[in-house]
Structures are given as structure tokens and as C-alpha cells.
Amino acid sequence: MTNQNQNVLYTGVTNTLKRRVLEHKENRGSEFTKKYKVHKLVYLEVTNDVNAAIFREKQIKAGSRQKKLDLINGSNKEWRDLFEDL
């Protein structure tokens, strides 16, 4: 997820994506997302394996900012809010 200026990136795991994104949009998410107004879903991956999801989250978080930008740009060059598609 990102903010309006697209200068903050947030990575997280959830079992209910729509609910979690709504929490962020309504400033009921994490303190980080409240502080930086992270309301825009620009990238997602789906799995039914919670351990795989946590492992992948750690991989993404450990990566450089450029790797995160490459992930987003690889599937969402316009950085549109994917929440509209949920």
C-alpha cells in the first residue's frame, strides 16, 4: 500500500484483504498507516498458505525500495488503487 504522494510503501499480511484495506482507508489500521495516510492498495499477492504469506511478506520487507517499486510497476504501472477491483 502507499499514500497519495506514493512516497511511502507499506507491506502487510491479512486473511481478509477487503476488510484490512478498509481499515487503513478509515484510519483504523496500524499506527504507521495512520501516521503516513497509507490508503491506496497498489500491489497484492494471494495464497491460501499462511506460512507462505508470512515468508513472502518478510522477503518483500527485506528487499530494497527499488525491488518493491519493480514489483508494483510490473503489475500496476499506473499505480491505480486495486481496492476498486476487490
C-alpha atoms as a PDB file:
ATOM      1  CA  MET A   1       0.000   0.000   0.000  1.00  0.00           C
ATOM      2  CA  THR A   2       1.060   3.599  -0.448  1.00  0.00           C
ATOM      3  CA  ASN A   3      -0.014   7.145   0.308  1.00  0.00           C
ATOM      4  CA  GLN A   4      -1.346   9.841  -2.019  1.00  0.00           C
ATOM      5  CA  ASN A   5       2.157  11.057  -2.948  1.00  0.00           C
ATOM      6  CA  GLN A   6       3.388   7.480  -3.442  1.00  0.00           C
ATOM      7  CA  ASN A   7       6.468   8.150  -1.326  1.00  0.00           C
ATOM      8  CA  VAL A   8       5.612   5.672   1.458  1.00  0.00           C
ATOM      9  CA  LEU A   9       5.345   1.910   0.982  1.00  0.00           C
ATOM     10  CA  TYR A  10       3.658  -0.453   3.450  1.00  0.00           C
ATOM     11  CA  THR A  11       3.687  -4.250   3.346  1.00  0.00           C
ATOM     12  CA  GLY A  12       1.436  -6.469   5.406  1.00  0.00           C
ATOM     13  CA  VAL A  13      -0.356  -9.812   5.618  1.00  0.00           C
ATOM     14  CA  THR A  14      -4.060 -10.356   6.193  1.00  0.00           C
ATOM     15  CA  ASN A  15      -6.597 -13.125   5.895  1.00  0.00           C
ATOM     16  CA  THR A  16      -9.310 -10.709   4.732  1.00  0.00           C
ATOM     17  CA  LEU A  17      -7.882  -8.180   2.282  1.00  0.00           C
ATOM     18  CA  LYS A  18     -11.006  -6.099   1.696  1.00  0.00           C
ATOM     19  CA  ARG A  19     -11.620  -5.614   5.431  1.00  0.00           C
ATOM     20  CA  ARG A  20      -7.984  -4.756   6.106  1.00  0.00           C
ATOM     21  CA  VAL A  21      -7.745  -2.207   3.296  1.00  0.00           C
ATOM     22  CA  LEU A  22     -10.961  -0.575   4.522  1.00  0.00           C
ATOM     23  CA  GLU A  23      -9.418  -0.307   7.987  1.00  0.00           C
ATOM     24  CA  HIS A  24      -6.436   1.514   6.507  1.00  0.00           C
ATOM     25  CA  LYS A  25      -8.636   3.791   4.396  1.00  0.00           C
ATOM     26  CA  GLU A  26     -10.671   4.675   7.502  1.00  0.00           C
ATOM     27  CA  ASN A  27      -7.514   5.247   9.597  1.00  0.00           C
ATOM     28  CA  ARG A  28      -8.222   2.205  11.726  1.00  0.00           C
ATOM     29  CA  GLY A  29      -5.143   0.326  10.510  1.00  0.00           C
ATOM     30  CA  SER A  30      -1.689   0.290  12.043  1.00  0.00           C
ATOM     31  CA  GLU A  31      -0.148   3.363  13.638  1.00  0.00           C
ATOM     32  CA  PHE A  32       2.254   3.562  10.698  1.00  0.00           C
ATOM     33  CA  THR A  33      -0.542   3.696   8.135  1.00  0.00           C
ATOM     34  CA  LYS A  34      -2.451   6.274  10.181  1.00  0.00           C
ATOM     35  CA  LYS A  35       0.610   8.491  10.535  1.00  0.00           C
ATOM     36  CA  TYR A  36       1.536   8.381   6.849  1.00  0.00           C
ATOM     37  CA  LYS A  37      -2.027   8.182   5.451  1.00  0.00           C
ATOM     38  CA  VAL A  38      -1.378   4.902   3.643  1.00  0.00           C
ATOM     39  CA  HIS A  39      -4.743   4.311   1.957  1.00  0.00           C
ATOM     40  CA  LYS A  40      -4.010   3.054  -1.551  1.00  0.00           C
ATOM     41  CA  LEU A  41      -3.647  -0.641  -2.442  1.00  0.00           C
ATOM     42  CA  VAL A  42      -1.195  -0.844  -5.345  1.00  0.00           C
ATOM     43  CA  TYR A  43       0.093  -4.423  -5.159  1.00  0.00           C
ATOM     44  CA  LEU A  44      -1.135  -7.752  -3.840  1.00  0.00           C
ATOM     45  CA  GLU A  45      -0.304 -11.423  -3.849  1.00  0.00           C
ATOM     46  CA  VAL A  46      -2.776 -14.156  -2.899  1.00  0.00           C
ATOM     47  CA  THR A  47      -2.119 -17.518  -1.249  1.00  0.00           C
ATOM     48  CA  ASN A  48      -4.105 -19.891   0.948  1.00  0.00           C
ATOM     49  CA  ASP A  49      -0.972 -20.839   2.918  1.00  0.00           C
ATOM     50  CA  VAL A  50      -0.472 -18.515   5.902  1.00  0.00           C
ATOM     51  CA  ASN A  51       3.149 -19.609   6.349  1.00  0.00           C
ATOM     52  CA  ALA A  52       3.913 -18.850   2.707  1.00  0.00           C
ATOM     53  CA  ALA A  53       2.258 -15.432   3.107  1.00  0.00           C
ATOM     54  CA  ILE A  54       4.350 -14.568   6.161  1.00  0.00           C
ATOM     55  CA  PHE A  55       7.516 -15.790   4.447  1.00  0.00           C
ATOM     56  CA  ARG A  56       6.728 -13.678   1.363  1.00  0.00           C
ATOM     57  CA  GLU A  57       5.968 -10.611   3.494  1.00  0.00           C
ATOM     58  CA  LYS A  58       9.385 -10.937   5.122  1.00  0.00           C
ATOM     59  CA  GLN A  59      11.030 -11.298   1.698  1.00  0.00           C
ATOM     60  CA  ILE A  60       9.353  -8.144   0.412  1.00  0.00           C
ATOM     61  CA  LYS A  61      10.120  -6.147   3.551  1.00  0.00           C
ATOM     62  CA  ALA A  62      13.778  -7.209   3.388  1.00  0.00           C
ATOM     63  CA  GLY A  63      14.077  -6.091  -0.224  1.00  0.00           C
ATOM     64  CA  SER A  64      15.242  -2.694  -1.357  1.00  0.00           C
ATOM     65  CA  ARG A  65      12.854   0.099  -2.180  1.00  0.00           C
ATOM     66  CA  GLN A  66      13.727  -0.424  -5.849  1.00  0.00           C
ATOM     67  CA  LYS A  67      12.699  -4.081  -5.679  1.00  0.00           C
ATOM     68  CA  LYS A  68       9.355  -3.018  -4.194  1.00  0.00           C
ATOM     69  CA  LEU A  69       8.894  -0.425  -6.932  1.00  0.00           C
ATOM     70  CA  ASP A  70       9.719  -3.066  -9.545  1.00  0.00           C
ATOM     71  CA  LEU A  71       7.058  -5.398  -8.090  1.00  0.00           C
ATOM     72  CA  ILE A  72       4.425  -2.664  -8.240  1.00  0.00           C
ATOM     73  CA  ASN A  73       5.420  -1.409 -11.679  1.00  0.00           C
ATOM     74  CA  GLY A  74       5.476  -4.964 -13.003  1.00  0.00           C
ATOM     75  CA  SER A  75       1.762  -5.414 -12.431  1.00  0.00           C
ATOM     76  CA  ASN A  76       0.357  -1.908 -11.899  1.00  0.00           C
ATOM     77  CA  LYS A  77       2.326   0.689 -13.877  1.00  0.00           C
ATOM     78  CA  GLU A  78      -0.368   3.333 -13.293  1.00  0.00           C
ATOM     79  CA  TRP A  79      -0.306   2.759  -9.521  1.00  0.00           C
ATOM     80  CA  ARG A  80      -4.099   2.736  -9.516  1.00  0.00           C
ATOM     81  CA  ASP A  81      -5.944   1.726  -6.366  1.00  0.00           C
ATOM     82  CA  LEU A  82      -6.602  -2.013  -6.699  1.00  0.00           C
ATOM     83  CA  PHE A  83      -9.195  -1.861  -3.916  1.00  0.00           C
ATOM     84  CA  GLU A  84     -11.752  -0.899  -6.556  1.00  0.00           C
ATOM     85  CA  ASP A  85     -11.322  -4.398  -8.069  1.00  0.00           C
ATOM     86  CA  LEU A  86     -11.930  -6.332  -4.841  1.00  0.00           C
END
